[in-house]
C-alpha atoms as a PDB file:
ATOM      1  CA  MET A   1    -138.922 181.641   9.793  1.00  0.00           C
ATOM      2  CA  TYR A   2    -140.012 178.360   8.168  1.00  0.00           C
ATOM      3  CA  THR A   3    -136.693 176.467   8.276  1.00  0.00           C
ATOM      4  CA  GLY A   4    -137.317 172.971   9.608  1.00  0.00           C
ATOM      5  CA  THR A   5    -141.058 173.123   8.909  1.00  0.00           C
ATOM      6  CA  PHE A   6    -142.828 170.153   7.336  1.00  0.00           C
ATOM      7  CA  LEU A   7    -145.659 171.001   4.942  1.00  0.00           C
ATOM      8  CA  ARG A   8    -148.391 168.739   3.622  1.00  0.00           C
ATOM      9  CA  ASN A   9    -150.577 169.343   0.582  1.00  0.00           C
ATOM     10  CA  PRO A  10    -154.157 168.969   1.863  1.00  0.00           C
ATOM     11  CA  ASP A  11    -155.676 168.662  -1.644  1.00  0.00           C
ATOM     12  CA  ASP A  12    -156.200 164.967  -2.434  1.00  0.00           C
ATOM     13  CA  ASN A  13    -157.301 165.881  -5.970  1.00  0.00           C
ATOM     14  CA  ASP A  14    -154.137 167.803  -6.888  1.00  0.00           C
ATOM     15  CA  ASP A  15    -152.543 165.914  -9.799  1.00  0.00           C
ATOM     16  CA  SER A  16    -149.512 168.201 -10.034  1.00  0.00           C
ATOM     17  CA  ILE A  17    -146.039 167.396  -8.703  1.00  0.00           C
ATOM     18  CA  PHE A  18    -147.338 168.730  -5.373  1.00  0.00           C
ATOM     19  CA  GLY A  19    -150.251 166.274  -5.111  1.00  0.00           C
ATOM     20  CA  ASN A  20    -150.048 164.491  -1.730  1.00  0.00           C
ATOM     21  CA  ALA A  21    -146.604 166.047  -1.276  1.00  0.00           C
ATOM     22  CA  VAL A  22    -144.826 166.398   2.023  1.00  0.00           C
ATOM     23  CA  ILE A  23    -142.137 169.078   1.936  1.00  0.00           C
ATOM     24  CA  LEU A  24    -139.361 169.942   4.343  1.00  0.00           C
ATOM     25  CA  ILE A  25    -138.335 173.597   4.286  1.00  0.00           C
ATOM     26  CA  VAL A  26    -134.553 173.545   4.533  1.00  0.00           C
ATOM     27  CA  GLU A  27    -133.842 177.253   4.223  1.00  0.00           C
ATOM     28  CA  SER A  28    -135.742 180.445   4.895  1.00  0.00           C
ATOM     29  CA  ASN A  29    -134.164 183.862   4.470  1.00  0.00           C
ATOM     30  CA  ASP A  30    -134.921 187.389   3.267  1.00  0.00           C
ATOM     31  CA  LYS A  31    -135.207 186.145  -0.327  1.00  0.00           C
ATOM     32  CA  GLY A  32    -137.703 183.343   0.354  1.00  0.00           C
ATOM     33  CA  GLU A  33    -137.824 179.640   1.114  1.00  0.00           C
ATOM     34  CA  THR A  34    -136.269 176.461  -0.258  1.00  0.00           C
ATOM     35  CA  GLY A  35    -137.492 172.934   0.391  1.00  0.00           C
ATOM     36  CA  PHE A  36    -137.636 169.379  -0.885  1.00  0.00           C
ATOM     37  CA  ILE A  37    -140.545 167.075  -1.623  1.00  0.00           C
ATOM     38  CA  LEU A  38    -139.792 164.121   0.634  1.00  0.00           C
ATOM     39  CA  ASN A  39    -142.205 161.477  -0.563  1.00  0.00           C
ATOM     40  CA  LYS A  40    -141.886 161.355  -4.376  1.00  0.00           C
ATOM     41  CA  ARG A  41    -139.482 158.692  -5.611  1.00  0.00           C
ATOM     42  CA  PHE A  42    -137.747 159.452  -8.895  1.00  0.00           C
ATOM     43  CA  SER A  43    -137.995 156.734 -11.547  1.00  0.00           C
ATOM     44  CA  ARG A  44    -134.246 156.086 -11.604  1.00  0.00           C
ATOM     45  CA  ASN A  45    -131.533 155.339  -9.056  1.00  0.00           C
ATOM     46  CA  LEU A  46    -128.239 157.135  -8.503  1.00  0.00           C
ATOM     47  CA  ASN A  47    -126.280 154.563 -10.522  1.00  0.00           C
ATOM     48  CA  ASP A  48    -128.622 155.133 -13.491  1.00  0.00           C
ATOM     49  CA  LEU A  49    -127.129 158.611 -13.898  1.00  0.00           C
ATOM     50  CA  THR A  50    -124.092 158.565 -16.184  1.00  0.00           C
ATOM     51  CA  ALA A  51    -121.849 160.429 -13.737  1.00  0.00           C
ATOM     52  CA  PHE A  52    -122.561 157.826 -11.034  1.00  0.00           C
ATOM     53  CA  ALA A  53    -122.705 154.648 -13.119  1.00  0.00           C
ATOM     54  CA  THR A  54    -120.146 152.926 -10.872  1.00  0.00           C
ATOM     55  CA  SER A  55    -122.045 153.769  -7.675  1.00  0.00           C
ATOM     56  CA  LYS A  56    -124.294 151.367  -5.822  1.00  0.00           C
ATOM     57  CA  PRO A  57    -127.992 151.517  -6.685  1.00  0.00           C
ATOM     58  CA  PHE A  58    -129.432 154.149  -4.380  1.00  0.00           C
ATOM     59  CA  PRO A  59    -132.880 155.781  -4.566  1.00  0.00           C
ATOM     60  CA  LEU A  60    -133.359 159.293  -5.865  1.00  0.00           C
ATOM     61  CA  TYR A  61    -136.302 161.543  -5.052  1.00  0.00           C
ATOM     62  CA  THR A  62    -137.953 164.339  -7.001  1.00  0.00           C
ATOM     63  CA  GLY A  63    -137.154 167.284  -4.749  1.00  0.00           C
ATOM     64  CA  GLY A  64    -139.230 169.749  -6.718  1.00  0.00           C
ATOM     65  CA  PRO A  65    -139.722 171.419 -10.068  1.00  0.00           C
ATOM     66  CA  VAL A  66    -136.786 173.861  -9.822  1.00  0.00           C
ATOM     67  CA  ASP A  67    -133.323 172.953 -11.171  1.00  0.00           C
ATOM     68  CA  GLN A  68    -133.900 169.256 -11.791  1.00  0.00           C
ATOM     69  CA  GLU A  69    -130.496 169.059 -13.446  1.00  0.00           C
ATOM     70  CA  HIS A  70    -128.663 168.971 -10.110  1.00  0.00           C
ATOM     71  CA  LEU A  71    -128.521 166.658  -7.110  1.00  0.00           C
ATOM     72  CA  TYR A  72    -129.171 167.946  -3.604  1.00  0.00           C
ATOM     73  CA  PHE A  73    -129.248 166.062  -0.353  1.00  0.00           C
ATOM     74  CA  ILE A  74    -130.222 166.071   3.282  1.00  0.00           C
ATOM     75  CA  HIS A  75    -128.754 163.728   5.867  1.00  0.00           C
ATOM     76  CA  ARG A  76    -128.387 162.960   9.520  1.00  0.00           C
ATOM     77  CA  ARG A  77    -124.765 161.893   9.598  1.00  0.00           C
ATOM     78  CA  PRO A  78    -122.566 164.941  10.263  1.00  0.00           C
ATOM     79  CA  ASP A  79    -119.989 162.484  11.608  1.00  0.00           C
ATOM     80  CA  LEU A  80    -119.533 161.149   8.046  1.00  0.00           C
ATOM     81  CA  ILE A  81    -120.434 164.161   5.895  1.00  0.00           C
ATOM     82  CA  THR A  82    -118.695 167.405   6.763  1.00  0.00           C
ATOM     83  CA  GLU A  83    -119.851 170.937   5.944  1.00  0.00           C
ATOM     84  CA  GLY A  84    -123.587 170.220   6.258  1.00  0.00           C
ATOM     85  CA  LYS A  85    -125.879 173.005   7.443  1.00  0.00           C
ATOM     86  CA  PRO A  86    -128.211 172.196  10.382  1.00  0.00           C
ATOM     87  CA  VAL A  87    -131.901 172.334   9.434  1.00  0.00           C
ATOM     88  CA  THR A  88    -133.865 170.856  12.334  1.00  0.00           C
ATOM     89  CA  GLY A  89    -133.242 168.199  14.948  1.00  0.00           C
ATOM     90  CA  ASN A  90    -130.677 165.842  13.503  1.00  0.00           C
ATOM     91  CA  ILE A  91    -131.289 166.794   9.831  1.00  0.00           C
ATOM     92  CA  PHE A  92    -128.574 168.572   7.859  1.00  0.00           C
ATOM     93  CA  LEU A  93    -128.649 170.184   4.413  1.00  0.00           C
ATOM     94  CA  GLY A  94    -125.895 169.232   2.006  1.00  0.00           C
ATOM     95  CA  GLY A  95    -122.252 169.133   2.839  1.00  0.00           C
ATOM     96  CA  ASN A  96    -119.279 167.508   1.186  1.00  0.00           C
ATOM     97  CA  PHE A  97    -120.884 165.674  -1.732  1.00  0.00           C
ATOM     98  CA  SER A  98    -117.800 163.552  -2.479  1.00  0.00           C
ATOM     99  CA  GLU A  99    -117.850 162.230   1.083  1.00  0.00           C
ATOM    100  CA  ALA A 100    -121.544 161.423   0.758  1.00  0.00           C
ATOM    101  CA  ILE A 101    -121.067 159.463  -2.483  1.00  0.00           C
ATOM    102  CA  GLU A 102    -118.060 157.638  -1.053  1.00  0.00           C
ATOM    103  CA  HIS A 103    -120.012 156.552   2.034  1.00  0.00           C
ATOM    104  CA  ILE A 104    -123.009 155.498  -0.073  1.00  0.00           C
ATOM    105  CA  SER A 105    -120.686 153.369  -2.228  1.00  0.00           C
ATOM    106  CA  ARG A 106    -119.102 151.790   0.848  1.00  0.00           C
ATOM    107  CA  GLY A 107    -122.498 151.117   2.398  1.00  0.00           C
ATOM    108  CA  SER A 108    -121.775 153.231   5.474  1.00  0.00           C
ATOM    109  CA  LEU A 109    -124.697 155.525   4.522  1.00  0.00           C
ATOM    110  CA  THR A 110    -128.117 153.982   4.010  1.00  0.00           C
ATOM    111  CA  THR A 111    -131.570 155.283   3.108  1.00  0.00           C
ATOM    112  CA  HIS A 112    -132.050 155.855   6.850  1.00  0.00           C
ATOM    113  CA  ASP A 113    -129.137 158.328   6.816  1.00  0.00           C
ATOM    114  CA  ILE A 114    -129.408 160.329   3.606  1.00  0.00           C
ATOM    115  CA  ARG A 115    -131.921 161.321   0.934  1.00  0.00           C
ATOM    116  CA  LEU A 116    -130.853 162.467  -2.553  1.00  0.00           C
ATOM    117  CA  PHE A 117    -133.023 164.807  -4.613  1.00  0.00           C
ATOM    118  CA  LEU A 118    -133.210 165.978  -8.199  1.00  0.00           C
ATOM    119  CA  GLY A 119    -134.463 169.543  -8.025  1.00  0.00           C
ATOM    120  CA  TYR A 120    -136.006 171.554  -5.230  1.00  0.00           C
ATOM    121  CA  CYS A 121    -139.008 173.726  -4.372  1.00  0.00           C
ATOM    122  CA  GLY A 122    -138.615 177.466  -4.057  1.00  0.00           C
ATOM    123  CA  TRP A 123    -140.751 180.416  -3.016  1.00  0.00           C
ATOM    124  CA  ASP A 124    -140.006 184.116  -3.274  1.00  0.00           C
ATOM    125  CA  LYS A 125    -140.198 186.166  -0.096  1.00  0.00           C
ATOM    126  CA  GLY A 126    -143.732 186.132   1.306  1.00  0.00           C
ATOM    127  CA  ASP A 127    -145.152 183.616  -1.196  1.00  0.00           C
ATOM    128  CA  LEU A 128    -145.023 180.559   1.056  1.00  0.00           C
ATOM    129  CA  GLY A 129    -146.802 182.405   3.873  1.00  0.00           C
ATOM    130  CA  ILE A 130    -149.564 183.380   1.459  1.00  0.00           C
ATOM    131  CA  GLU A 131    -149.913 179.764   0.262  1.00  0.00           C
ATOM    132  CA  ILE A 132    -150.130 178.518   3.860  1.00  0.00           C
ATOM    133  CA  ASN A 133    -152.684 181.200   4.788  1.00  0.00           C
ATOM    134  CA  THR A 134    -154.872 180.358   1.773  1.00  0.00           C
ATOM    135  CA  GLY A 135    -154.822 176.622   2.572  1.00  0.00           C
ATOM    136  CA  SER A 136    -152.532 175.401  -0.207  1.00  0.00           C
ATOM    137  CA  TRP A 137    -150.264 173.913   2.475  1.00  0.00           C
ATOM    138  CA  SER A 138    -150.818 172.788   6.013  1.00  0.00           C
ATOM    139  CA  ILE A 139    -148.048 172.707   8.557  1.00  0.00           C
ATOM    140  CA  SER A 140    -147.389 169.152   9.670  1.00  0.00           C
ATOM    141  CA  THR A 141    -145.645 167.835  12.742  1.00  0.00           C
ATOM    142  CA  GLU A 142    -145.050 164.503  11.041  1.00  0.00           C
ATOM    143  CA  ASN A 143    -141.447 163.760  10.090  1.00  0.00           C
ATOM    144  CA  VAL A 144    -141.705 161.381   7.132  1.00  0.00           C
ATOM    145  CA  ILE A 145    -138.014 160.995   6.435  1.00  0.00           C
ATOM    146  CA  PHE A 146    -135.441 158.592   7.728  1.00  0.00           C
END
């Protein structure tokens, strides 16, 4: 229901991780919704993580408060990254992570093609709709990525 929806936090005084956040919902199913905060840069780059020390410097984003131990990504290059799941327009969720890292290292993927996240946002079934209806989130038509 909400897949492909952009959300904006309308509360300018919110000092939580969601303050001034713009979120893209990448999956909506009978269990709930999953999304990523698009506009919160993480303090380190990909090559600052031990497992990717030989990679090129590449920005990371704080995707949300859930599971910040793993990397997730969205992209718009299904010609270079196979197995991605369509989200909206030309935006895809995940895919072959090894291909993504290889193309980042080669420079054939740029910040205009892919965004890497630590963590994600998640809502149980019905919770996101309640938050939207009570004004915690507003639906935005603005695409702030890529």
